[in-house]
Each structure stands twice: as C-alpha cells, then as structure tokens.
PDB file of N, CA and C in Angstrom:
ATOM      1  N   MET A   1      89.088-105.129  54.269  1.00  0.00           N
ATOM      2  CA  MET A   1      88.584-104.744  52.993  1.00  0.00           C
ATOM      3  C   MET A   1      88.317-103.248  52.958  1.00  0.00           C
ATOM      4  N   ALA A   2      88.541-102.765  51.802  1.00  0.00           N
ATOM      5  CA  ALA A   2      88.341-101.329  51.643  1.00  0.00           C
ATOM      6  C   ALA A   2      86.888-101.047  51.293  1.00  0.00           C
ATOM      7  N   THR A   3      86.381-100.043  51.912  1.00  0.00           N
ATOM      8  CA  THR A   3      84.994 -99.686  51.614  1.00  0.00           C
ATOM      9  C   THR A   3      84.987 -98.643  50.508  1.00  0.00           C
ATOM     10  N   THR A   4      84.095 -98.765  49.634  1.00  0.00           N
ATOM     11  CA  THR A   4      83.998 -97.798  48.543  1.00  0.00           C
ATOM     12  C   THR A   4      82.867 -96.838  48.838  1.00  0.00           C
ATOM     13  N   LYS A   5      83.166 -95.588  48.528  1.00  0.00           N
ATOM     14  CA  LYS A   5      82.147 -94.566  48.736  1.00  0.00           C
ATOM     15  C   LYS A   5      81.396 -94.373  47.443  1.00  0.00           C
ATOM     16  N   LYS A   6      80.137 -94.159  47.585  1.00  0.00           N
ATOM     17  CA  LYS A   6      79.339 -93.865  46.419  1.00  0.00           C
ATOM     18  C   LYS A   6      79.485 -92.381  46.084  1.00  0.00           C
ATOM     19  N   LYS A   7      79.670 -92.107  44.807  1.00  0.00           N
ATOM     20  CA  LYS A   7      79.752 -90.721  44.384  1.00  0.00           C
ATOM     21  C   LYS A   7      78.352 -90.146  44.327  1.00  0.00           C
ATOM     22  N   THR A   8      78.225 -89.007  44.952  1.00  0.00           N
ATOM     23  CA  THR A   8      76.917 -88.365  44.933  1.00  0.00           C
ATOM     24  C   THR A   8      76.892 -87.351  43.801  1.00  0.00           C
ATOM     25  N   THR A   9      75.828 -87.304  43.116  1.00  0.00           N
ATOM     26  CA  THR A   9      75.693 -86.319  42.036  1.00  0.00           C
ATOM     27  C   THR A   9      74.898 -85.140  42.557  1.00  0.00           C
ATOM     28  N   THR A  10      75.426 -83.971  42.276  1.00  0.00           N
ATOM     29  CA  THR A  10      74.726 -82.772  42.716  1.00  0.00           C
ATOM     30  C   THR A  10      74.088 -82.131  41.496  1.00  0.00           C
ATOM     31  N   THR A  11      72.906 -81.691  41.682  1.00  0.00           N
ATOM     32  CA  THR A  11      72.210 -81.026  40.583  1.00  0.00           C
ATOM     33  C   THR A  11      72.019 -79.565  40.962  1.00  0.00           C
ATOM     34  N   LYS A  12      72.336 -78.716  40.009  1.00  0.00           N
ATOM     35  CA  LYS A  12      72.147 -77.292  40.257  1.00  0.00           C
ATOM     36  C   LYS A  12      70.776 -76.887  39.753  1.00  0.00           C
ATOM     37  N   THR A  13      70.146 -76.114  40.557  1.00  0.00           N
ATOM     38  CA  THR A  13      68.852 -75.611  40.111  1.00  0.00           C
ATOM     39  C   THR A  13      69.089 -74.244  39.483  1.00  0.00           C
ATOM     40  N   THR A  14      68.677 -74.097  38.274  1.00  0.00           N
ATOM     41  CA  THR A  14      68.851 -72.826  37.580  1.00  0.00           C
ATOM     42  C   THR A  14      67.498 -72.202  37.354  1.00  0.00           C
ATOM     43  N   ARG A  15      67.476 -70.923  37.517  1.00  0.00           N
ATOM     44  CA  ARG A  15      66.234 -70.197  37.301  1.00  0.00           C
ATOM     45  C   ARG A  15      66.280 -69.559  35.925  1.00  0.00           C
ATOM     46  N   LYS A  16      65.213 -69.607  35.258  1.00  0.00           N
ATOM     47  CA  LYS A  16      65.135 -68.941  33.969  1.00  0.00           C
ATOM     48  C   LYS A  16      64.706 -67.498  34.218  1.00  0.00           C
ATOM     49  N   THR A  17      65.505 -66.603  33.668  1.00  0.00           N
ATOM     50  CA  THR A  17      65.159 -65.191  33.836  1.00  0.00           C
ATOM     51  C   THR A  17      64.439 -64.722  32.590  1.00  0.00           C
ATOM     52  N   LYS A  18      63.456 -63.925  32.810  1.00  0.00           N
ATOM     53  CA  LYS A  18      62.713 -63.394  31.686  1.00  0.00           C
ATOM     54  C   LYS A  18      63.405 -62.136  31.190  1.00  0.00           C
ATOM     55  N   THR A  19      63.593 -62.055  29.902  1.00  0.00           N
ATOM     56  CA  THR A  19      64.195 -60.867  29.317  1.00  0.00           C
ATOM     57  C   THR A  19      63.099 -60.022  28.707  1.00  0.00           C
ATOM     58  N   ALA A  20      63.342 -58.714  28.717  1.00  0.00           N
ATOM     59  CA  ALA A  20      62.352 -57.804  28.159  1.00  0.00           C
ATOM     60  C   ALA A  20      62.333 -57.965  26.656  1.00  0.00           C
ATOM     61  N   ALA A  21      61.177 -57.916  26.123  1.00  0.00           N
ATOM     62  CA  ALA A  21      61.034 -58.077  24.673  1.00  0.00           C
ATOM     63  C   ALA A  21      61.544 -56.810  23.992  1.00  0.00           C
ATOM     64  N   HIS A  22      62.350 -56.975  22.966  1.00  0.00           N
ATOM     65  CA  HIS A  22      62.876 -55.839  22.237  1.00  0.00           C
ATOM     66  C   HIS A  22      61.802 -55.290  21.315  1.00  0.00           C
ATOM     67  N   THR A  23      61.732 -53.975  21.283  1.00  0.00           N
ATOM     68  CA  THR A  23      60.759 -53.370  20.381  1.00  0.00           C
ATOM     69  C   THR A  23      61.374 -53.300  18.994  1.00  0.00           C
ATOM     70  N   PRO A  24      60.645 -53.629  17.993  1.00  0.00           N
ATOM     71  CA  PRO A  24      61.205 -53.623  16.643  1.00  0.00           C
ATOM     72  C   PRO A  24      61.457 -52.200  16.162  1.00  0.00           C
ATOM     73  N   VAL A  25      62.482 -52.047  15.349  1.00  0.00           N
ATOM     74  CA  VAL A  25      62.825 -50.753  14.786  1.00  0.00           C
ATOM     75  C   VAL A  25      61.854 -50.460  13.655  1.00  0.00           C
ATOM     76  N   LYS A  26      61.258 -49.279  13.681  1.00  0.00           N
ATOM     77  CA  LYS A  26      60.233 -48.978  12.686  1.00  0.00           C
ATOM     78  C   LYS A  26      60.833 -48.448  11.387  1.00  0.00           C
ATOM     79  N   SER A  27      61.881 -47.631  11.494  1.00  0.00           N
ATOM     80  CA  SER A  27      62.471 -47.103  10.266  1.00  0.00           C
ATOM     81  C   SER A  27      63.950 -46.834  10.495  1.00  0.00           C
ATOM     82  N   PHE A  28      64.668 -46.683   9.419  1.00  0.00           N
ATOM     83  CA  PHE A  28      66.087 -46.403   9.494  1.00  0.00           C
ATOM     84  C   PHE A  28      66.391 -44.975   9.047  1.00  0.00           C
ATOM     85  N   ARG A  29      65.414 -44.102   9.048  1.00  0.00           N
ATOM     86  CA  ARG A  29      65.623 -42.716   8.644  1.00  0.00           C
ATOM     87  C   ARG A  29      66.345 -41.958   9.750  1.00  0.00           C
ATOM     88  N   VAL A  30      67.164 -40.999   9.333  1.00  0.00           N
ATOM     89  CA  VAL A  30      67.889 -40.182  10.295  1.00  0.00           C
ATOM     90  C   VAL A  30      66.919 -39.182  10.923  1.00  0.00           C
ATOM     91  N   ALA A  31      66.957 -39.101  12.229  1.00  0.00           N
ATOM     92  CA  ALA A  31      66.061 -38.186  12.926  1.00  0.00           C
ATOM     93  C   ALA A  31      66.547 -36.758  12.767  1.00  0.00           C
ATOM     94  N   LYS A  32      65.617 -35.822  12.699  1.00  0.00           N
ATOM     95  CA  LYS A  32      65.981 -34.411  12.583  1.00  0.00           C
ATOM     96  C   LYS A  32      66.543 -33.938  13.923  1.00  0.00           C
ATOM     97  N   PRO A  33      67.601 -33.108  13.902  1.00  0.00           N
ATOM     98  CA  PRO A  33      68.146 -32.604  15.159  1.00  0.00           C
ATOM     99  C   PRO A  33      67.169 -31.634  15.820  1.00  0.00           C
ATOM    100  N   ALA A  34      67.335 -31.478  17.119  1.00  0.00           N
ATOM    101  CA  ALA A  34      66.436 -30.604  17.862  1.00  0.00           C
ATOM    102  C   ALA A  34      66.622 -29.149  17.443  1.00  0.00           C
ATOM    103  N   THR A  35      67.857 -28.743  17.183  1.00  0.00           N
ATOM    104  CA  THR A  35      68.138 -27.388  16.709  1.00  0.00           C
ATOM    105  C   THR A  35      68.935 -27.478  15.426  1.00  0.00           C
ATOM    106  N   PRO A  36      68.764 -26.541  14.520  1.00  0.00           N
ATOM    107  CA  PRO A  36      69.561 -26.549  13.292  1.00  0.00           C
ATOM    108  C   PRO A  36      71.042 -26.354  13.596  1.00  0.00           C
ATOM    109  N   PHE A  37      71.890 -26.771  12.634  1.00  0.00           N
ATOM    110  CA  PHE A  37      73.337 -26.736  12.856  1.00  0.00           C
ATOM    111  C   PHE A  37      73.852 -25.304  12.986  1.00  0.00           C
ATOM    112  N   PHE A  38      73.370 -24.396  12.166  1.00  0.00           N
ATOM    113  CA  PHE A  38      73.861 -23.017  12.191  1.00  0.00           C
ATOM    114  C   PHE A  38      73.030 -22.118  13.093  1.00  0.00           C
ATOM    115  N   HIS A  39      72.299 -22.680  14.008  1.00  0.00           N
ATOM    116  CA  HIS A  39      71.481 -21.894  14.936  1.00  0.00           C
ATOM    117  C   HIS A  39      72.389 -21.234  15.968  1.00  0.00           C
ATOM    118  N   PHE A  40      72.120 -19.968  16.277  1.00  0.00           N
ATOM    119  CA  PHE A  40      72.961 -19.219  17.207  1.00  0.00           C
ATOM    120  C   PHE A  40      72.120 -18.728  18.363  1.00  0.00           C
ATOM    121  N   ASP A  41      72.497 -19.110  19.564  1.00  0.00           N
ATOM    122  CA  ASP A  41      71.873 -18.599  20.780  1.00  0.00           C
ATOM    123  C   ASP A  41      72.898 -17.772  21.535  1.00  0.00           C
ATOM    124  N   PHE A  42      72.510 -16.579  21.932  1.00  0.00           N
ATOM    125  CA  PHE A  42      73.399 -15.719  22.694  1.00  0.00           C
ATOM    126  C   PHE A  42      73.244 -16.084  24.163  1.00  0.00           C
ATOM    127  N   THR A  43      74.256 -16.764  24.722  1.00  0.00           N
ATOM    128  CA  THR A  43      74.194 -17.228  26.103  1.00  0.00           C
ATOM    129  C   THR A  43      75.326 -16.593  26.908  1.00  0.00           C
ATOM    130  N   LEU A  44      75.390 -16.956  28.154  1.00  0.00           N
ATOM    131  CA  LEU A  44      76.455 -16.448  29.020  1.00  0.00           C
ATOM    132  C   LEU A  44      77.815 -16.984  28.580  1.00  0.00           C
ATOM    133  N   GLN A  45      77.832 -18.194  28.064  1.00  0.00           N
ATOM    134  CA  GLN A  45      79.074 -18.761  27.567  1.00  0.00           C
ATOM    135  C   GLN A  45      79.579 -17.980  26.347  1.00  0.00           C
ATOM    136  N   THR A  46      78.675 -17.455  25.538  1.00  0.00           N
ATOM    137  CA  THR A  46      79.055 -16.617  24.403  1.00  0.00           C
ATOM    138  C   THR A  46      79.765 -15.359  24.886  1.00  0.00           C
ATOM    139  N   VAL A  47      79.279 -14.784  25.952  1.00  0.00           N
ATOM    140  CA  VAL A  47      79.908 -13.583  26.518  1.00  0.00           C
ATOM    141  C   VAL A  47      81.313 -13.922  27.016  1.00  0.00           C
ATOM    142  N   TYR A  48      81.465 -15.050  27.677  1.00  0.00           N
ATOM    143  CA  TYR A  48      82.785 -15.465  28.153  1.00  0.00           C
ATOM    144  C   TYR A  48      83.763 -15.619  26.992  1.00  0.00           C
ATOM    145  N   TRP A  49      83.326 -16.259  25.898  1.00  0.00           N
ATOM    146  CA  TRP A  49      84.202 -16.448  24.749  1.00  0.00           C
ATOM    147  C   TRP A  49      84.545 -15.126  24.080  1.00  0.00           C
ATOM    148  N   LEU A  50      83.592 -14.199  24.026  1.00  0.00           N
ATOM    149  CA  LEU A  50      83.883 -12.877  23.451  1.00  0.00           C
ATOM    150  C   LEU A  50      84.917 -12.130  24.278  1.00  0.00           C
ATOM    151  N   ILE A  51      84.758 -12.157  25.587  1.00  0.00           N
ATOM    152  CA  ILE A  51      85.728 -11.485  26.464  1.00  0.00           C
ATOM    153  C   ILE A  51      87.103 -12.123  26.314  1.00  0.00           C
ATOM    154  N   LEU A  52      87.159 -13.433  26.278  1.00  0.00           N
ATOM    155  CA  LEU A  52      88.434 -14.129  26.137  1.00  0.00           C
ATOM    156  C   LEU A  52      89.097 -13.819  24.799  1.00  0.00           C
ATOM    157  N   SER A  53      88.324 -13.802  23.735  1.00  0.00           N
ATOM    158  CA  SER A  53      88.909 -13.518  22.421  1.00  0.00           C
ATOM    159  C   SER A  53      89.390 -12.080  22.319  1.00  0.00           C
ATOM    160  N   ILE A  54      88.646 -11.123  22.878  1.00  0.00           N
ATOM    161  CA  ILE A  54      89.098  -9.726  22.883  1.00  0.00           C
ATOM    162  C   ILE A  54      90.377  -9.591  23.689  1.00  0.00           C
ATOM    163  N   LEU A  55      90.464 -10.277  24.807  1.00  0.00           N
ATOM    164  CA  LEU A  55      91.670 -10.237  25.633  1.00  0.00           C
ATOM    165  C   LEU A  55      92.866 -10.806  24.883  1.00  0.00           C
ATOM    166  N   VAL A  56      92.701 -11.917  24.211  1.00  0.00           N
ATOM    167  CA  VAL A  56      93.800 -12.554  23.483  1.00  0.00           C
ATOM    168  C   VAL A  56      94.260 -11.665  22.329  1.00  0.00           C
ATOM    169  N   ILE A  57      93.325 -11.102  21.586  1.00  0.00           N
ATOM    170  CA  ILE A  57      93.691 -10.242  20.459  1.00  0.00           C
ATOM    171  C   ILE A  57      94.387  -8.984  20.935  1.00  0.00           C
ATOM    172  N   SER A  58      93.911  -8.379  22.014  1.00  0.00           N
ATOM    173  CA  SER A  58      94.547  -7.159  22.517  1.00  0.00           C
ATOM    174  C   SER A  58      95.947  -7.441  23.050  1.00  0.00           C
ATOM    175  N   LEU A  59      96.144  -8.560  23.731  1.00  0.00           N
ATOM    176  CA  LEU A  59      97.485  -8.899  24.213  1.00  0.00           C
ATOM    177  C   LEU A  59      98.428  -9.188  23.046  1.00  0.00           C
ATOM    178  N   THR A  60      97.918  -9.799  21.997  1.00  0.00           N
ATOM    179  CA  THR A  60      98.730 -10.064  20.815  1.00  0.00           C
ATOM    180  C   THR A  60      99.177  -8.757  20.165  1.00  0.00           C
ATOM    181  N   LEU A  61      98.261  -7.819  20.033  1.00  0.00           N
ATOM    182  CA  LEU A  61      98.613  -6.519  19.454  1.00  0.00           C
ATOM    183  C   LEU A  61      99.618  -5.770  20.326  1.00  0.00           C
ATOM    184  N   TRP A  62      99.478  -5.861  21.634  1.00  0.00           N
ATOM    185  CA  TRP A  62     100.407  -5.186  22.541  1.00  0.00           C
ATOM    186  C   TRP A  62     101.813  -5.773  22.411  1.00  0.00           C
ATOM    187  N   VAL A  63     101.899  -7.090  22.351  1.00  0.00           N
ATOM    188  CA  VAL A  63     103.204  -7.738  22.206  1.00  0.00           C
ATOM    189  C   VAL A  63     103.818  -7.389  20.855  1.00  0.00           C
ATOM    190  N   MET A  64     103.014  -7.311  19.821  1.00  0.00           N
ATOM    191  CA  MET A  64     103.544  -6.946  18.503  1.00  0.00           C
ATOM    192  C   MET A  64     104.074  -5.514  18.483  1.00  0.00           C
ATOM    193  N   THR A  65     103.379  -4.589  19.136  1.00  0.00           N
ATOM    194  CA  THR A  65     103.876  -3.205  19.180  1.00  0.00           C
ATOM    195  C   THR A  65     105.156  -3.117  20.000  1.00  0.00           C
ATOM    196  N   LEU A  66     105.230  -3.850  21.094  1.00  0.00           N
ATOM    197  CA  LEU A  66     106.473  -3.865  21.875  1.00  0.00           C
ATOM    198  C   LEU A  66     107.625  -4.419  21.048  1.00  0.00           C
ATOM    199  N   ASN A  67     107.364  -5.464  20.297  1.00  0.00           N
ATOM    200  CA  ASN A  67     108.392  -6.056  19.461  1.00  0.00           C
ATOM    201  C   ASN A  67     108.862  -5.064  18.395  1.00  0.00           C
ATOM    202  N   MET A  68     107.936  -4.329  17.802  1.00  0.00           N
ATOM    203  CA  MET A  68     108.318  -3.336  16.786  1.00  0.00           C
ATOM    204  C   MET A  68     109.141  -2.210  17.399  1.00  0.00           C
ATOM    205  N   GLN A  69     108.796  -1.782  18.595  1.00  0.00           N
ATOM    206  CA  GLN A  69     109.567  -0.726  19.265  1.00  0.00           C
ATOM    207  C   GLN A  69     110.979  -1.213  19.593  1.00  0.00           C
ATOM    208  N   ILE A  70     111.093  -2.436  20.050  1.00  0.00           N
ATOM    209  CA  ILE A  70     112.414  -2.987  20.366  1.00  0.00           C
ATOM    210  C   ILE A  70     113.245  -3.124  19.104  1.00  0.00           C
ATOM    211  N   GLN A  71     112.633  -3.557  18.007  1.00  0.00           N
ATOM    212  CA  GLN A  71     113.368  -3.674  16.749  1.00  0.00           C
ATOM    213  C   GLN A  71     113.814  -2.302  16.232  1.00  0.00           C
ATOM    214  N   ASP A  72     113.007  -1.289  16.407  1.00  0.00           N
ATOM    215  CA  ASP A  72     113.413   0.073  16.038  1.00  0.00           C
ATOM    216  C   ASP A  72     114.603   0.543  16.873  1.00  0.00           C
ATOM    217  N   LEU A  73     114.575   0.205  18.145  1.00  0.00           N
ATOM    218  CA  LEU A  73     115.679   0.562  19.026  1.00  0.00           C
ATOM    219  C   LEU A  73     116.965  -0.137  18.587  1.00  0.00           C
ATOM    220  N   TYR A  74     116.868  -1.405  18.258  1.00  0.00           N
ATOM    221  CA  TYR A  74     118.035  -2.137  17.751  1.00  0.00           C
ATOM    222  C   TYR A  74     118.543  -1.531  16.446  1.00  0.00           C
ATOM    223  N   ASP A  75     117.634  -1.127  15.587  1.00  0.00           N
ATOM    224  CA  ASP A  75     118.045  -0.500  14.329  1.00  0.00           C
ATOM    225  C   ASP A  75     118.785   0.809  14.578  1.00  0.00           C
ATOM    226  N   GLN A  76     118.335   1.586  15.540  1.00  0.00           N
ATOM    227  CA  GLN A  76     119.014   2.847  15.877  1.00  0.00           C
ATOM    228  C   GLN A  76     120.410   2.571  16.434  1.00  0.00           C
ATOM    229  N   ILE A  77     120.508   1.588  17.298  1.00  0.00           N
ATOM    230  CA  ILE A  77     121.819   1.252  17.873  1.00  0.00           C
ATOM    231  C   ILE A  77     122.753   0.755  16.781  1.00  0.00           C
ATOM    232  N   ASP A  78     122.266  -0.063  15.888  1.00  0.00           N
ATOM    233  CA  ASP A  78     123.103  -0.565  14.795  1.00  0.00           C
ATOM    234  C   ASP A  78     123.535   0.552  13.858  1.00  0.00           C
ATOM    235  N   SER A  79     122.655   1.480  13.581  1.00  0.00           N
ATOM    236  CA  SER A  79     123.026   2.567  12.668  1.00  0.00           C
ATOM    237  C   SER A  79     124.089   3.468  13.299  1.00  0.00           C
ATOM    238  N   LYS A  80     124.069   3.663  14.606  1.00  0.00           N
ATOM    239  CA  LYS A  80     125.096   4.479  15.269  1.00  0.00           C
ATOM    240  C   LYS A  80     126.428   3.733  15.319  1.00  0.00           C
ATOM    241  N   ASN A  81     126.383   2.437  15.541  1.00  0.00           N
ATOM    242  CA  ASN A  81     127.621   1.665  15.638  1.00  0.00           C
ATOM    243  C   ASN A  81     128.289   1.491  14.284  1.00  0.00           C
ATOM    244  N   TYR A  82     127.522   1.351  13.245  1.00  0.00           N
ATOM    245  CA  TYR A  82     128.112   1.110  11.930  1.00  0.00           C
ATOM    246  C   TYR A  82     128.384   2.392  11.157  1.00  0.00           C
ATOM    247  N   SER A  83     127.971   3.521  11.697  1.00  0.00           N
ATOM    248  CA  SER A  83     128.260   4.780  10.985  1.00  0.00           C
ATOM    249  C   SER A  83     129.720   5.174  11.145  1.00  0.00           C
ATOM    250  N   TYR A  84     130.330   4.714  12.200  1.00  0.00           N
ATOM    251  CA  TYR A  84     131.731   5.000  12.415  1.00  0.00           C
ATOM    252  C   TYR A  84     132.555   3.977  11.641  1.00  0.00           C
ATOM    253  N   VAL A  85     133.397   4.464  10.773  1.00  0.00           N
ATOM    254  CA  VAL A  85     134.254   3.589   9.988  1.00  0.00           C
ATOM    255  C   VAL A  85     135.654   3.714  10.563  1.00  0.00           C
ATOM    256  N   SER A  86     136.206   2.612  10.948  1.00  0.00           N
ATOM    257  CA  SER A  86     137.546   2.657  11.515  1.00  0.00           C
ATOM    258  C   SER A  86     138.576   2.782  10.406  1.00  0.00           C
ATOM    259  N   PRO A  87     139.607   3.591  10.622  1.00  0.00           N
ATOM    260  CA  PRO A  87     140.633   3.726   9.592  1.00  0.00           C
ATOM    261  C   PRO A  87     141.461   2.452   9.477  1.00  0.00           C
ATOM    262  N   ARG A  88     141.870   2.166   8.288  1.00  0.00           N
ATOM    263  CA  ARG A  88     142.699   0.973   8.083  1.00  0.00           C
ATOM    264  C   ARG A  88     144.137   1.280   8.484  1.00  0.00           C
ATOM    265  N   LEU A  89     144.719   0.358   9.091  1.00  0.00           N
ATOM    266  CA  LEU A  89     146.097   0.548   9.504  1.00  0.00           C
ATOM    267  C   LEU A  89     147.075   0.034   8.513  1.00  0.00           C
TER     268      LEU A  89
END
C-alpha cells in the first residue's frame, strides 16, 4: 500500500512596518526665490565669461580683417588679369 504524506502548511510571519506620518501641506502659494531673477553678483565665474567673450570677439574681428585683406588681394589679381583684352583672331 502506498503511504500518503500529509501536506504541511507553512505560515509566513510578516512584520508591520511603521511609516512616518506625512505632514499636511499648509498652503499652495509659490514661495519667493532666495534671490531676485535679475540680481547680478560679480563673481570669479563672471570674470571667466568676460575673458572668454572678449577672446571670441577679438578672434572674430581678426578673422574678418584677414578675410577682407584676402578678398582685396583677389580683386587686385582679377583686375590685372581682366585688364588685358586678347585680340580676336
């Protein structure tokens, strides 16, 4: 004869965890910022940005003057080449 096994039931013990009580919201008004939006503080980062912007503007002006000089040179070369008119054969 076959013996039957009894099924054992296992019970899990669960612990209840306490959650922190949420504090109720008192108002829905927007809080004032710590500093105004258009407030200006002169910091070390401001100096870095000023130096960088002066550098960028000066390099831009230098490249533009070089470009104008090169274009003038091309204009001179073109005027010398086109001043000669070849005779028609």
